[in-house]
Amino acid sequence: MKFEQIKQLLNGIPHTPAHDGEVLYNFVIENKVQNILELGFQHGVSTLYIAAALDEIGFGNITTIDNLSAKEVSPTINELAKRANLEKYINPIFANTSYNWELMKLIRDNTTNNICNQIFDFCFIDGAHSWETDGFAFLLVDKLLKDGSYILFDDLYWTYSESKGLKDSDFVKRMSEDERNTPQVELIIRFLVNQHNNYKIATIQDRWAWAQKGASHHNTYNFDKLYNNQSISNDLKKIMKKIIKRMSNFCF
């Protein structure tokens, strides 16, 4: 499915804006990643951008995990997948508590003779945004991720104190001040990913951080090209809009 088609279908649905969806879409196509893991999906917008790219290259699947509350949003991931006719690429898992328990199952089911088989080509972590949940998730994902592959962390600077949906909850009010105000995904990047001897921070763009596993013995993807192409595309669209607007002001 072409990007403009999936963009139009997802227009107005939270929470992945089209420019981020375009980055995901192009990354999947250019790297031909075919077995993808996503942690956190809610409506499934980011999932659908990825699935559209898989459809464009003609193969692959995405295993995506969220908790049971994702069944109560509107539209749901299953509804969006059906609208886009992309169901065959998407395997949604609804966890009772956390995706970390589901990751345990994936590790269990892919372990032979005490060795975990590395099955995923790319992982997008966009879920809890907490040190406890996503810090552990990173260590679990590492067991399932192939060498040379990438993990993408979303919401690098997100904090509980600035979350509209959580900041007034009893759960957050019980936190210490530094826990409420500290960007916890950034802590994961600084103290887990960056200090891991088999990972390298490939690039940080706005709120996204990309890390590569086994970077010392694999080629690094050109993220500058990915983001520059997107910037050029957006600039051209803005220019065309201005031209059309100016032309509409002329009287013939």
Protein backbone atom coordinates (compact mmCIF):
# COMPACT_ATOMS: atom_id res chain seq x y z
CA MET A 1 0.00 0.00 0.00
CA LYS A 2 1.32 3.43 -0.96
CA PHE A 3 2.10 5.89 1.83
CA GLU A 4 -0.44 8.47 0.70
CA GLN A 5 -3.18 5.82 0.82
CA ILE A 6 -2.49 4.75 4.39
CA LYS A 7 -1.95 8.36 5.44
CA GLN A 8 -5.41 9.29 4.15
CA LEU A 9 -7.02 6.30 5.85
CA LEU A 10 -5.41 7.16 9.22
CA ASN A 11 -6.05 10.90 9.04
CA GLY A 12 -7.31 12.27 12.35
CA ILE A 13 -6.68 9.12 14.40
CA PRO A 14 -4.21 9.48 17.33
CA HIS A 15 -1.37 9.21 18.23
CA THR A 16 1.25 8.81 15.50
CA PRO A 17 1.44 11.90 13.23
CA ALA A 18 1.85 11.35 9.51
CA HIS A 19 5.45 12.62 9.41
CA ASP A 20 6.44 9.96 11.98
CA GLY A 21 4.44 7.38 10.10
CA GLU A 22 6.37 8.26 6.96
CA VAL A 23 9.69 7.66 8.74
CA LEU A 24 8.52 4.22 9.91
CA TYR A 25 7.13 3.40 6.47
CA ASN A 26 10.31 4.35 4.63
CA PHE A 27 12.59 2.65 7.15
CA VAL A 28 10.76 -0.66 6.71
CA ILE A 29 10.84 -0.45 2.92
CA GLU A 30 14.45 0.64 2.61
CA ASN A 31 15.73 -1.99 5.05
CA LYS A 32 13.36 -4.78 3.96
CA VAL A 33 12.70 -5.69 7.58
CA GLN A 34 10.19 -8.52 7.68
CA ASN A 35 9.72 -9.68 11.28
CA ILE A 36 8.89 -6.71 13.48
CA LEU A 37 8.06 -6.31 17.17
CA GLU A 38 6.12 -3.34 18.54
CA LEU A 39 5.47 -2.64 22.22
CA GLY A 40 2.48 -0.35 22.70
CA PHE A 41 -0.07 0.34 19.96
CA GLN A 42 -3.36 1.70 21.41
CA HIS A 43 -5.34 2.47 18.19
CA GLY A 44 -2.68 0.84 16.02
CA VAL A 45 -1.78 3.84 13.87
CA SER A 46 1.98 3.23 13.93
CA THR A 47 1.25 -0.47 13.38
CA LEU A 48 -0.75 0.32 10.24
CA TYR A 49 2.01 2.51 8.79
CA ILE A 50 4.42 -0.38 9.27
CA ALA A 51 1.96 -2.94 7.88
CA ALA A 52 1.38 -0.77 4.81
CA ALA A 53 5.12 -0.80 4.17
CA LEU A 54 5.18 -4.59 4.54
CA ASP A 55 2.35 -4.78 2.03
CA GLU A 56 4.32 -2.58 -0.35
CA ILE A 57 7.38 -4.87 -0.23
CA GLY A 58 5.14 -7.94 -0.34
CA PHE A 59 6.17 -9.85 2.79
CA GLY A 60 6.64 -9.71 6.56
CA ASN A 61 4.63 -9.42 9.73
CA ILE A 62 4.43 -7.28 12.87
CA THR A 63 3.80 -8.67 16.33
CA THR A 64 2.43 -5.82 18.41
CA ILE A 65 1.58 -5.90 22.13
CA ASP A 66 -0.54 -3.65 24.34
CA ASN A 67 -2.77 -4.17 27.36
CA LEU A 68 -6.47 -5.00 27.40
CA SER A 69 -7.52 -1.34 27.47
CA ALA A 70 -6.59 -1.15 23.77
CA LYS A 71 -9.74 -3.17 23.07
CA GLU A 72 -11.86 -0.31 24.42
CA VAL A 73 -10.59 2.54 22.22
CA SER A 74 -12.29 3.60 19.03
CA PRO A 75 -11.28 2.64 16.45
CA THR A 76 -9.42 -0.47 17.59
CA ILE A 77 -6.35 -1.87 15.89
CA ASN A 78 -8.43 -4.72 14.45
CA GLU A 79 -10.96 -2.30 12.99
CA LEU A 80 -8.22 -0.23 11.34
CA ALA A 81 -6.48 -3.33 10.00
CA LYS A 82 -9.74 -4.49 8.44
CA ARG A 83 -10.41 -1.07 6.88
CA ALA A 84 -6.97 -1.09 5.30
CA ASN A 85 -7.11 -4.78 4.34
CA LEU A 86 -3.80 -5.32 6.13
CA GLU A 87 -4.88 -7.92 8.72
CA LYS A 88 -2.59 -10.64 7.37
CA TYR A 89 0.50 -8.63 8.31
CA ILE A 90 -0.53 -7.84 11.91
CA ASN A 91 -0.50 -10.06 15.00
CA PRO A 92 -1.95 -8.02 17.90
CA ILE A 93 -1.52 -9.36 21.43
CA PHE A 94 -3.59 -7.97 24.31
CA ALA A 95 -1.75 -8.47 27.60
CA ASN A 96 -3.48 -8.68 30.97
CA THR A 97 -0.84 -6.60 32.72
CA SER A 98 2.32 -5.77 30.77
CA TYR A 99 4.00 -6.63 27.52
CA ASN A 100 6.96 -7.92 29.50
CA TRP A 101 5.00 -11.06 30.43
CA GLU A 102 4.23 -11.59 26.75
CA LEU A 103 7.92 -11.09 25.94
CA MET A 104 8.70 -13.87 28.42
CA LYS A 105 6.39 -16.14 26.44
CA LEU A 106 8.14 -15.24 23.18
CA ILE A 107 11.50 -16.00 24.75
CA ARG A 108 10.15 -19.27 26.17
CA ASP A 109 8.66 -20.36 22.85
CA ASN A 110 11.83 -19.53 20.93
CA THR A 111 14.32 -21.16 23.30
CA THR A 112 16.04 -24.41 22.35
CA ASN A 113 18.78 -26.03 24.47
CA ASN A 114 18.88 -22.94 26.72
CA ILE A 115 19.52 -20.62 23.76
CA CYS A 116 16.95 -18.03 22.66
CA ASN A 117 16.53 -17.83 18.91
CA GLN A 118 16.77 -14.24 17.62
CA ILE A 119 13.70 -13.71 15.48
CA PHE A 120 13.04 -9.98 15.08
CA ASP A 121 14.56 -7.56 12.54
CA PHE A 122 13.28 -4.38 14.17
CA CYS A 123 11.61 -3.32 17.41
CA PHE A 124 9.60 -0.17 18.15
CA ILE A 125 9.13 0.54 21.88
CA ASP A 126 6.28 3.00 22.43
CA GLY A 127 4.48 1.83 25.55
CA ALA A 128 4.89 2.54 29.23
CA HIS A 129 7.77 5.05 28.95
CA SER A 130 8.87 4.06 32.45
CA TRP A 131 12.25 2.96 33.77
CA GLU A 132 10.80 -0.15 35.39
CA THR A 133 8.75 -1.42 32.46
CA ASP A 134 10.74 -0.34 29.42
CA GLY A 135 14.15 -0.78 31.01
CA PHE A 136 13.32 -4.43 31.55
CA ALA A 137 11.65 -4.61 28.13
CA PHE A 138 14.92 -3.52 26.49
CA LEU A 139 16.76 -6.42 28.14
CA LEU A 140 14.06 -8.87 27.07
CA VAL A 141 13.90 -7.55 23.50
CA ASP A 142 17.67 -7.90 23.24
CA LYS A 143 17.29 -11.68 23.56
CA LEU A 144 14.88 -11.73 20.60
CA LEU A 145 16.54 -9.17 18.31
CA LYS A 146 18.91 -10.16 15.52
CA ASP A 147 22.41 -8.69 15.36
CA GLY A 148 22.55 -5.63 13.13
CA SER A 149 18.90 -4.77 13.80
CA TYR A 150 17.51 -1.59 15.34
CA ILE A 151 15.40 -0.66 18.34
CA LEU A 152 13.46 2.59 18.16
CA PHE A 153 12.51 4.28 21.44
CA ASP A 154 9.66 6.80 21.40
CA ASP A 155 8.96 9.69 23.81
CA LEU A 156 12.54 10.25 24.86
CA TYR A 157 11.64 13.33 26.92
CA TRP A 158 8.18 12.29 28.18
CA THR A 159 7.51 12.67 31.92
CA TYR A 160 4.67 11.63 34.22
CA SER A 161 4.31 15.19 35.47
CA GLU A 162 3.50 16.43 31.95
CA SER A 163 1.19 13.60 30.96
CA LYS A 164 -2.36 14.92 30.56
CA GLY A 165 -3.84 11.50 31.20
CA LEU A 166 -1.70 10.45 34.15
CA LYS A 167 -0.35 13.47 36.03
CA ASP A 168 -3.40 13.76 38.31
CA SER A 169 -3.73 10.03 38.99
CA ASP A 170 -3.13 8.61 42.45
CA PHE A 171 -0.41 6.42 40.97
CA VAL A 172 1.62 9.44 39.87
CA LYS A 173 0.86 11.49 42.98
CA ARG A 174 2.47 8.76 45.09
CA MET A 175 5.73 9.08 43.13
CA SER A 176 8.71 11.04 44.38
CA GLU A 177 9.22 14.41 42.71
CA ASP A 178 12.26 13.29 40.74
CA GLU A 179 10.41 10.18 39.46
CA ARG A 180 7.51 12.34 38.26
CA ASN A 181 9.71 14.94 36.57
CA THR A 182 12.49 12.83 35.06
CA PRO A 183 12.24 11.62 31.42
CA GLN A 184 12.56 7.91 32.07
CA VAL A 185 13.10 6.73 28.49
CA GLU A 186 16.12 9.02 28.42
CA LEU A 187 17.43 7.19 31.50
CA ILE A 188 17.08 3.90 29.64
CA ILE A 189 19.06 5.30 26.72
CA ARG A 190 21.79 6.75 28.94
CA PHE A 191 22.27 3.98 31.48
CA LEU A 192 21.17 0.79 29.73
CA VAL A 193 21.47 1.15 25.97
CA ASN A 194 24.47 3.47 25.81
CA GLN A 195 26.38 1.44 28.41
CA HIS A 196 25.60 -1.91 26.76
CA ASN A 197 28.69 -3.20 24.97
CA ASN A 198 26.67 -4.58 22.06
CA TYR A 199 24.60 -1.46 21.29
CA LYS A 200 25.28 1.89 19.71
CA ILE A 201 23.03 4.94 19.58
CA ALA A 202 22.58 5.43 15.83
CA THR A 203 20.72 8.76 15.92
CA ILE A 204 18.39 10.87 18.02
CA GLN A 205 15.73 12.84 16.14
CA ASP A 206 13.32 14.95 18.19
CA ARG A 207 11.67 12.52 20.64
CA TRP A 208 12.95 9.36 18.91
CA ALA A 209 16.16 7.47 19.69
CA TRP A 210 17.42 4.73 17.37
CA ALA A 211 19.88 2.11 18.67
CA GLN A 212 21.61 -0.63 16.70
CA LYS A 213 22.51 -4.05 18.07
CA GLY A 214 25.93 -5.39 17.10
CA ALA A 215 26.80 -2.10 15.40
CA SER A 216 30.55 -2.76 15.60
CA HIS A 217 30.32 -5.55 13.01
CA HIS A 218 27.39 -4.39 10.87
CA ASN A 219 26.81 -1.52 8.47
CA THR A 220 24.93 1.42 9.97
CA TYR A 221 21.84 2.68 8.19
CA ASN A 222 21.98 6.24 6.84
CA PHE A 223 19.39 7.96 9.02
CA ASP A 224 20.39 11.39 7.70
CA LYS A 225 19.12 10.30 4.31
CA LEU A 226 15.87 9.02 5.82
CA TYR A 227 15.12 12.25 7.67
CA ASN A 228 16.46 14.56 4.96
CA ASN A 229 14.20 12.96 2.38
CA GLN A 230 11.26 13.48 4.67
CA SER A 231 12.19 17.13 5.21
CA ILE A 232 12.49 17.72 1.47
CA SER A 233 9.14 16.04 0.90
CA ASN A 234 7.45 18.15 3.57
CA ASP A 235 9.07 21.33 2.24
CA LEU A 236 7.81 20.61 -1.27
CA LYS A 237 4.30 20.02 0.03
CA LYS A 238 4.37 23.32 1.92
CA ILE A 239 5.58 25.16 -1.19
CA MET A 240 2.85 23.62 -3.33
CA LYS A 241 0.20 24.60 -0.77
CA LYS A 242 1.45 28.20 -0.82
CA ILE A 243 1.42 28.29 -4.62
CA ILE A 244 -2.14 26.92 -4.77
CA LYS A 245 -3.30 29.37 -2.11
CA ARG A 246 -1.78 32.33 -3.97
CA MET A 247 -3.27 31.20 -7.28
CA SER A 248 -6.70 30.95 -5.67
CA ASN A 249 -6.48 34.61 -4.70
CA PHE A 250 -6.20 35.74 -8.30
CA CYS A 251 -9.35 36.88 -10.06
CA PHE A 252 -9.67 35.84 -13.69
